[in-house]
C-alpha atoms as a PDB file:
ATOM      1  CA  MET A   1     114.035 147.540 107.192  1.00  0.00           C
ATOM      2  CA  THR A   2     115.516 147.877 103.622  1.00  0.00           C
ATOM      3  CA  ALA A   3     113.473 150.254 101.587  1.00  0.00           C
ATOM      4  CA  PRO A   4     112.815 148.917  97.465  1.00  0.00           C
ATOM      5  CA  GLY A   5     115.400 150.393  95.462  1.00  0.00           C
ATOM      6  CA  ILE A   6     115.232 152.615  92.031  1.00  0.00           C
ATOM      7  CA  GLY A   7     114.592 149.121  89.719  1.00  0.00           C
ATOM      8  CA  PHE A   8     112.279 147.941  92.390  1.00  0.00           C
ATOM      9  CA  ARG A   9     110.139 151.330  91.763  1.00  0.00           C
ATOM     10  CA  ARG A  10     110.494 150.800  87.990  1.00  0.00           C
ATOM     11  CA  THR A  11     109.055 147.662  87.696  1.00  0.00           C
ATOM     12  CA  ILE A  12     105.956 147.624  89.936  1.00  0.00           C
ATOM     13  CA  GLY A  13     104.893 151.245  88.789  1.00  0.00           C
ATOM     14  CA  ARG A  14     105.874 150.834  84.852  1.00  0.00           C
ATOM     15  CA  ALA A  15     106.682 147.755  83.618  1.00  0.00           C
ATOM     16  CA  ALA A  16     104.093 145.493  85.476  1.00  0.00           C
ATOM     17  CA  ARG A  17     101.641 147.582  83.624  1.00  0.00           C
ATOM     18  CA  HIS A  18     103.185 146.061  80.361  1.00  0.00           C
ATOM     19  CA  PRO A  19     103.374 142.633  78.748  1.00  0.00           C
ATOM     20  CA  TRP A  20     106.824 143.551  77.922  1.00  0.00           C
ATOM     21  CA  VAL A  21     109.037 146.173  78.388  1.00  0.00           C
ATOM     22  CA  TRP A  22     112.992 145.590  77.374  1.00  0.00           C
ATOM     23  CA  ARG A  23     115.827 148.531  77.564  1.00  0.00           C
ATOM     24  CA  ALA A  24     119.710 147.733  76.524  1.00  0.00           C
ATOM     25  CA  ARG A  25     121.103 150.712  78.628  1.00  0.00           C
ATOM     26  CA  ASP A  26     120.478 148.236  81.791  1.00  0.00           C
ATOM     27  CA  LEU A  27     122.765 146.092  80.223  1.00  0.00           C
ATOM     28  CA  ASP A  28     120.783 142.891  80.591  1.00  0.00           C
ATOM     29  CA  VAL A  29     118.807 141.230  77.894  1.00  0.00           C
ATOM     30  CA  ASN A  30     116.203 139.605  80.043  1.00  0.00           C
ATOM     31  CA  ALA A  31     113.007 142.341  80.618  1.00  0.00           C
ATOM     32  CA  LEU A  32     112.112 144.344  82.836  1.00  0.00           C
ATOM     33  CA  SER A  33     108.604 143.038  83.003  1.00  0.00           C
ATOM     34  CA  GLY A  34     109.962 140.000  83.570  1.00  0.00           C
ATOM     35  CA  GLN A  35     110.749 137.878  80.956  1.00  0.00           C
ATOM     36  CA  THR A  36     113.707 135.669  81.352  1.00  0.00           C
ATOM     37  CA  ALA A  37     115.884 136.277  77.406  1.00  0.00           C
ATOM     38  CA  THR A  38     117.483 133.210  75.501  1.00  0.00           C
ATOM     39  CA  HIS A  39     120.588 135.223  73.975  1.00  0.00           C
ATOM     40  CA  THR A  40     121.947 133.228  70.722  1.00  0.00           C
ATOM     41  CA  ARG A  41     125.458 135.033  69.169  1.00  0.00           C
ATOM     42  CA  ALA A  42     126.641 132.311  66.811  1.00  0.00           C
ATOM     43  CA  ALA A  43     129.955 134.182  66.115  1.00  0.00           C
ATOM     44  CA  THR A  44     132.301 136.832  68.004  1.00  0.00           C
ATOM     45  CA  ALA A  45     131.072 140.450  67.618  1.00  0.00           C
ATOM     46  CA  THR A  46     133.134 143.512  67.758  1.00  0.00           C
ATOM     47  CA  PRO A  47     131.354 146.668  69.501  1.00  0.00           C
ATOM     48  CA  THR A  48     132.530 149.798  70.562  1.00  0.00           C
ATOM     49  CA  ASP A  49     132.903 150.809  74.384  1.00  0.00           C
ATOM     50  CA  SER A  50     131.877 154.070  75.970  1.00  0.00           C
ATOM     51  CA  PHE A  51     135.533 154.727  75.634  1.00  0.00           C
ATOM     52  CA  ALA A  52     135.683 154.404  71.831  1.00  0.00           C
ATOM     53  CA  ALA A  53     137.486 150.992  72.082  1.00  0.00           C
ATOM     54  CA  THR A  54     136.788 148.070  70.051  1.00  0.00           C
ATOM     55  CA  ARG A  55     136.973 145.062  71.995  1.00  0.00           C
ATOM     56  CA  THR A  56     136.071 141.289  71.264  1.00  0.00           C
ATOM     57  CA  VAL A  57     133.106 139.331  72.558  1.00  0.00           C
ATOM     58  CA  ALA A  58     132.996 135.512  72.362  1.00  0.00           C
ATOM     59  CA  HIS A  59     129.957 133.954  70.577  1.00  0.00           C
ATOM     60  CA  SER A  60     127.758 133.315  73.490  1.00  0.00           C
ATOM     61  CA  GLN A  61     128.269 136.806  75.175  1.00  0.00           C
ATOM     62  CA  PRO A  62     125.364 140.348  74.337  1.00  0.00           C
ATOM     63  CA  ALA A  63     127.300 142.741  72.515  1.00  0.00           C
ATOM     64  CA  TRP A  64     126.609 145.967  74.393  1.00  0.00           C
ATOM     65  CA  HIS A  65     127.469 148.341  71.863  1.00  0.00           C
ATOM     66  CA  TYR A  66     128.449 152.126  72.784  1.00  0.00           C
ATOM     67  CA  THR A  67     127.151 154.694  69.543  1.00  0.00           C
ATOM     68  CA  ALA A  68     129.042 157.797  70.009  1.00  0.00           C
ATOM     69  CA  ALA A  69     127.379 160.232  67.158  1.00  0.00           C
ATOM     70  CA  LYS A  70     123.867 159.605  69.206  1.00  0.00           C
ATOM     71  CA  SER A  71     125.371 159.001  72.973  1.00  0.00           C
ATOM     72  CA  VAL A  72     123.402 155.671  73.689  1.00  0.00           C
ATOM     73  CA  THR A  73     124.127 151.869  74.565  1.00  0.00           C
ATOM     74  CA  GLY A  74     122.499 149.198  72.609  1.00  0.00           C
ATOM     75  CA  LEU A  75     122.496 145.511  72.004  1.00  0.00           C
ATOM     76  CA  LEU A  76     124.412 144.640  68.941  1.00  0.00           C
ATOM     77  CA  LEU A  77     122.813 141.570  67.427  1.00  0.00           C
ATOM     78  CA  GLY A  78     123.771 141.704  63.857  1.00  0.00           C
ATOM     79  CA  THR A  79     123.421 138.811  61.580  1.00  0.00           C
ATOM     80  CA  ASN A  80     124.953 136.221  64.111  1.00  0.00           C
ATOM     81  CA  ALA A  81     122.438 136.930  67.054  1.00  0.00           C
ATOM     82  CA  ASP A  82     119.213 137.432  68.470  1.00  0.00           C
ATOM     83  CA  VAL A  83     117.768 137.342  71.412  1.00  0.00           C
ATOM     84  CA  SER A  84     114.062 135.495  72.063  1.00  0.00           C
ATOM     85  CA  TYR A  85     111.225 135.824  75.157  1.00  0.00           C
ATOM     86  CA  ALA A  86     107.814 133.991  75.895  1.00  0.00           C
ATOM     87  CA  LEU A  87     105.335 136.385  75.378  1.00  0.00           C
ATOM     88  CA  PRO A  88     101.724 134.166  76.136  1.00  0.00           C
ATOM     89  CA  ILE A  89     100.204 137.046  74.541  1.00  0.00           C
ATOM     90  CA  LEU A  90      96.844 136.611  72.819  1.00  0.00           C
ATOM     91  CA  PRO A  91      95.710 138.950  69.758  1.00  0.00           C
ATOM     92  CA  GLN A  92      93.719 141.490  70.610  1.00  0.00           C
ATOM     93  CA  ALA A  93      93.928 145.431  70.724  1.00  0.00           C
ATOM     94  CA  MET A  94      97.597 146.166  71.022  1.00  0.00           C
ATOM     95  CA  GLY A  95     100.829 147.783  70.041  1.00  0.00           C
ATOM     96  CA  GLY A  96     104.573 148.554  70.876  1.00  0.00           C
ATOM     97  CA  GLY A  97     108.041 150.023  69.606  1.00  0.00           C
ATOM     98  CA  ILE A  98     111.257 149.061  68.814  1.00  0.00           C
ATOM     99  CA  HIS A  99     114.302 151.816  69.203  1.00  0.00           C
ATOM    100  CA  PHE A 100     117.393 150.795  67.145  1.00  0.00           C
ATOM    101  CA  ILE A 101     120.229 152.385  65.458  1.00  0.00           C
ATOM    102  CA  GLU A 102     119.968 151.762  61.934  1.00  0.00           C
ATOM    103  CA  ASN A 103     123.049 148.944  61.481  1.00  0.00           C
ATOM    104  CA  GLY A 104     122.535 147.438  57.696  1.00  0.00           C
ATOM    105  CA  GLY A 105     119.402 145.539  58.641  1.00  0.00           C
ATOM    106  CA  LYS A 106     116.877 147.669  55.888  1.00  0.00           C
ATOM    107  CA  ALA A 107     119.158 146.005  53.310  1.00  0.00           C
ATOM    108  CA  ILE A 108     118.344 142.555  54.427  1.00  0.00           C
ATOM    109  CA  VAL A 109     115.273 140.893  52.339  1.00  0.00           C
ATOM    110  CA  GLY A 110     113.324 139.428  55.005  1.00  0.00           C
ATOM    111  CA  GLY A 111     116.122 140.356  57.999  1.00  0.00           C
ATOM    112  CA  GLY A 112     113.905 140.353  61.506  1.00  0.00           C
ATOM    113  CA  VAL A 113     113.380 143.315  62.903  1.00  0.00           C
ATOM    114  CA  TRP A 114     110.708 141.907  65.687  1.00  0.00           C
ATOM    115  CA  TYR A 115     108.343 138.591  65.275  1.00  0.00           C
ATOM    116  CA  GLU A 116     105.667 136.798  67.857  1.00  0.00           C
ATOM    117  CA  GLY A 117     104.617 133.740  66.475  1.00  0.00           C
ATOM    118  CA  ASN A 118     105.871 130.244  66.406  1.00  0.00           C
ATOM    119  CA  ASP A 119     109.754 128.772  65.110  1.00  0.00           C
ATOM    120  CA  ALA A 120     108.508 127.823  62.056  1.00  0.00           C
ATOM    121  CA  GLY A 121     107.292 131.323  60.720  1.00  0.00           C
ATOM    122  CA  SER A 122     103.830 129.672  59.913  1.00  0.00           C
ATOM    123  CA  GLY A 123     100.765 130.630  61.036  1.00  0.00           C
ATOM    124  CA  ALA A 124      99.254 133.230  62.746  1.00  0.00           C
ATOM    125  CA  ARG A 125     101.827 136.054  63.754  1.00  0.00           C
ATOM    126  CA  ILE A 126     102.339 139.517  63.428  1.00  0.00           C
ATOM    127  CA  TYR A 127     106.522 140.561  63.065  1.00  0.00           C
ATOM    128  CA  LEU A 128     108.341 143.732  61.602  1.00  0.00           C
ATOM    129  CA  ASP A 129     111.213 143.024  58.941  1.00  0.00           C
ATOM    130  CA  ALA A 130     112.873 145.006  56.015  1.00  0.00           C
ATOM    131  CA  THR A 131     112.213 144.599  51.982  1.00  0.00           C
ATOM    132  CA  GLY A 132     115.575 144.775  51.269  1.00  0.00           C
ATOM    133  CA  THR A 133     115.272 148.706  51.213  1.00  0.00           C
ATOM    134  CA  VAL A 134     112.647 149.478  53.919  1.00  0.00           C
ATOM    135  CA  TYR A 135     110.744 148.351  56.759  1.00  0.00           C
ATOM    136  CA  ARG A 136     107.518 147.229  57.181  1.00  0.00           C
ATOM    137  CA  LEU A 137     104.783 145.253  59.053  1.00  0.00           C
ATOM    138  CA  THR A 138     103.027 142.159  58.275  1.00  0.00           C
ATOM    139  CA  TYR A 139      99.799 140.591  60.271  1.00  0.00           C
ATOM    140  CA  THR A 140      98.281 137.229  59.190  1.00  0.00           C
ATOM    141  CA  ASP A 141      95.493 135.199  60.563  1.00  0.00           C
ATOM    142  CA  GLY A 142      97.350 132.016  59.104  1.00  0.00           C
ATOM    143  CA  THR A 143      95.645 132.387  55.761  1.00  0.00           C
ATOM    144  CA  THR A 144      95.386 136.103  54.862  1.00  0.00           C
ATOM    145  CA  THR A 145      98.403 138.545  55.100  1.00  0.00           C
ATOM    146  CA  ARG A 146      98.201 142.135  55.560  1.00  0.00           C
ATOM    147  CA  THR A 147     101.394 144.468  55.061  1.00  0.00           C
ATOM    148  CA  ALA A 148     102.270 147.858  55.817  1.00  0.00           C
ATOM    149  CA  THR A 149     105.187 149.186  54.259  1.00  0.00           C
ATOM    150  CA  MET A 150     107.090 152.309  54.898  1.00  0.00           C
ATOM    151  CA  ALA A 151     108.043 154.436  52.306  1.00  0.00           C
ATOM    152  CA  THR A 152     111.713 155.314  53.201  1.00  0.00           C
ATOM    153  CA  ALA A 153     114.361 154.189  55.179  1.00  0.00           C
ATOM    154  CA  PRO A 154     116.648 155.382  57.273  1.00  0.00           C
ATOM    155  CA  SER A 155     120.650 156.124  56.773  1.00  0.00           C
ATOM    156  CA  THR A 156     123.325 153.640  58.532  1.00  0.00           C
ATOM    157  CA  GLY A 157     123.645 155.633  61.785  1.00  0.00           C
ATOM    158  CA  ASP A 158     120.378 157.290  62.409  1.00  0.00           C
ATOM    159  CA  GLU A 159     118.365 156.409  65.392  1.00  0.00           C
ATOM    160  CA  VAL A 160     114.883 154.917  65.079  1.00  0.00           C
ATOM    161  CA  TRP A 161     111.628 154.024  66.397  1.00  0.00           C
ATOM    162  CA  LEU A 162     109.467 152.137  64.469  1.00  0.00           C
ATOM    163  CA  ARG A 163     105.952 152.184  66.023  1.00  0.00           C
ATOM    164  CA  TRP A 164     103.348 149.664  65.657  1.00  0.00           C
ATOM    165  CA  THR A 165      99.359 148.862  66.021  1.00  0.00           C
ATOM    166  CA  LEU A 166      97.014 145.972  65.387  1.00  0.00           C
ATOM    167  CA  THR A 167      93.435 146.642  66.604  1.00  0.00           C
ATOM    168  CA  SER A 168      90.298 144.606  68.046  1.00  0.00           C
ATOM    169  CA  ALA A 169      89.053 145.004  64.174  1.00  0.00           C
ATOM    170  CA  GLY A 170      92.888 142.800  62.784  1.00  0.00           C
ATOM    171  CA  VAL A 171      93.910 146.565  61.270  1.00  0.00           C
ATOM    172  CA  CYS A 172      97.356 146.670  61.447  1.00  0.00           C
ATOM    173  CA  GLN A 173      99.546 149.938  60.973  1.00  0.00           C
ATOM    174  CA  ILE A 174     103.280 150.709  61.381  1.00  0.00           C
ATOM    175  CA  TRP A 175     104.799 154.423  62.043  1.00  0.00           C
ATOM    176  CA  GLN A 176     108.541 155.514  61.632  1.00  0.00           C
ATOM    177  CA  SER A 177     110.216 158.241  63.743  1.00  0.00           C
ATOM    178  CA  ILE A 178     113.956 159.206  62.010  1.00  0.00           C
ATOM    179  CA  ASN A 179     116.672 160.711  64.578  1.00  0.00           C
ATOM    180  CA  GLY A 180     113.597 162.107  66.469  1.00  0.00           C
ATOM    181  CA  ALA A 181     111.678 163.311  63.599  1.00  0.00           C
ATOM    182  CA  ALA A 182     108.007 163.729  63.626  1.00  0.00           C
ATOM    183  CA  GLU A 183     106.702 159.691  62.801  1.00  0.00           C
ATOM    184  CA  THR A 184     105.417 159.033  58.968  1.00  0.00           C
ATOM    185  CA  THR A 185     103.105 156.107  58.093  1.00  0.00           C
ATOM    186  CA  PRO A 186     101.914 154.438  55.155  1.00  0.00           C
ATOM    187  CA  GLY A 187      98.288 154.234  56.372  1.00  0.00           C
ATOM    188  CA  ALA A 188      96.766 151.437  57.534  1.00  0.00           C
ATOM    189  CA  ALA A 189      96.198 147.794  55.692  1.00  0.00           C
ATOM    190  CA  ALA A 190      93.132 146.245  54.907  1.00  0.00           C
ATOM    191  CA  ALA A 191      91.563 144.714  58.251  1.00  0.00           C
ATOM    192  CA  THR A 192      91.593 140.940  58.547  1.00  0.00           C
ATOM    193  CA  VAL A 193      89.412 138.990  61.701  1.00  0.00           C
ATOM    194  CA  LEU A 194      91.929 138.291  64.658  1.00  0.00           C
ATOM    195  CA  PRO A 195      92.656 134.805  65.109  1.00  0.00           C
ATOM    196  CA  ALA A 196      91.786 133.342  68.541  1.00  0.00           C
ATOM    197  CA  ALA A 197      95.515 132.726  69.091  1.00  0.00           C
ATOM    198  CA  TRP A 198      99.284 133.367  67.848  1.00  0.00           C
ATOM    199  CA  ALA A 199     101.013 130.301  65.958  1.00  0.00           C
ATOM    200  CA  GLY A 200     103.024 130.458  69.014  1.00  0.00           C
ATOM    201  CA  THR A 201     104.335 132.272  71.975  1.00  0.00           C
ATOM    202  CA  THR A 202     107.951 133.124  71.119  1.00  0.00           C
ATOM    203  CA  MET A 203     108.737 136.450  70.583  1.00  0.00           C
ATOM    204  CA  ARG A 204     112.178 137.585  68.774  1.00  0.00           C
ATOM    205  CA  LEU A 205     114.385 140.333  68.394  1.00  0.00           C
ATOM    206  CA  ASN A 206     116.469 140.403  64.974  1.00  0.00           C
ATOM    207  CA  ARG A 207     114.764 136.800  63.534  1.00  0.00           C
ATOM    208  CA  LEU A 208     112.046 135.454  62.100  1.00  0.00           C
ATOM    209  CA  GLY A 209     111.082 132.397  64.048  1.00  0.00           C
ATOM    210  CA  THR A 210     114.349 130.423  63.282  1.00  0.00           C
ATOM    211  CA  GLY A 211     114.749 132.146  60.007  1.00  0.00           C
ATOM    212  CA  THR A 212     116.448 135.413  58.517  1.00  0.00           C
ATOM    213  CA  ARG A 213     118.152 137.419  61.281  1.00  0.00           C
ATOM    214  CA  GLY A 214     118.451 141.339  60.752  1.00  0.00           C
ATOM    215  CA  ASN A 215     121.441 143.303  61.394  1.00  0.00           C
ATOM    216  CA  THR A 216     120.396 146.188  64.542  1.00  0.00           C
ATOM    217  CA  ILE A 217     121.596 147.736  67.477  1.00  0.00           C
ATOM    218  CA  TYR A 218     118.881 147.705  70.432  1.00  0.00           C
ATOM    219  CA  LEU A 219     117.612 150.251  72.362  1.00  0.00           C
ATOM    220  CA  ASP A 220     114.625 149.432  73.740  1.00  0.00           C
ATOM    221  CA  GLY A 221     111.163 147.418  73.006  1.00  0.00           C
ATOM    222  CA  VAL A 222     107.764 147.802  74.510  1.00  0.00           C
ATOM    223  CA  VAL A 223     104.686 145.962  73.582  1.00  0.00           C
ATOM    224  CA  MET A 224     101.558 147.424  75.284  1.00  0.00           C
ATOM    225  CA  LEU A 225      97.868 146.939  74.938  1.00  0.00           C
ATOM    226  CA  GLY A 226      95.296 149.196  73.402  1.00  0.00           C
ATOM    227  CA  ALA A 227      97.012 151.722  70.596  1.00  0.00           C
ATOM    228  CA  PRO A 228      99.922 153.477  72.301  1.00  0.00           C
ATOM    229  CA  THR A 229     101.342 156.476  70.811  1.00  0.00           C
ATOM    230  CA  LEU A 230     104.990 157.068  70.543  1.00  0.00           C
ATOM    231  CA  ALA A 231     104.728 159.749  73.528  1.00  0.00           C
ATOM    232  CA  GLN A 232     103.354 156.653  75.439  1.00  0.00           C
ATOM    233  CA  ILE A 233     105.714 154.015  74.585  1.00  0.00           C
ATOM    234  CA  GLN A 234     109.057 156.475  74.956  1.00  0.00           C
ATOM    235  CA  VAL A 235     107.231 157.379  78.827  1.00  0.00           C
ATOM    236  CA  VAL A 236     107.591 153.725  79.532  1.00  0.00           C
ATOM    237  CA  VAL A 237     111.260 153.564  78.821  1.00  0.00           C
ATOM    238  CA  ALA A 238     112.019 156.624  80.388  1.00  0.00           C
END
């Protein structure tokens, strides 16, 4: 009998307990939690490999990018690429985190970081994007919109965690940690009653629906039920 390997233990013991778990260092756009990814790249990209050499990838290829200053491998999505997953999760007490290397995404007004909703960018949805200066979390039931906006922005090359939560009372909040420092938050937004369902079940990295793309080097991503802390999220992708 062949014993299950490390990948099997990770999936059963860790990823299977959560709606969505993904790690760039596995060099796989598909999620550890089982979702098959749809990767779209509309142009070539020039990521750097672990030998400090820049290479060109074709328009449809994932751009695995090594950031030497942080000794991490991420997925460079930039302004011409995004990744989507089917995530049919209902609005409820939930949260998650996106771990990335700042690559200029904060400067793109409406540039997507993480999104759950429909392709049209309408109706009930929740997402992380940029104001053109800083990052923010937006939650809407389709009528009333609540936004929590960070007061400070990372610099290019910084390693960032953006953590978010949504409570059963419809209260959303965002936190940010830069280069391992303590999290900061603007506080919680006002409550809005949860809708029965999101407007769509598409979850995207680096794009709001089929709208504006960001410019990010993604390292990890997690969606969990309840109110996960940053430490709990980091354990999931460790």
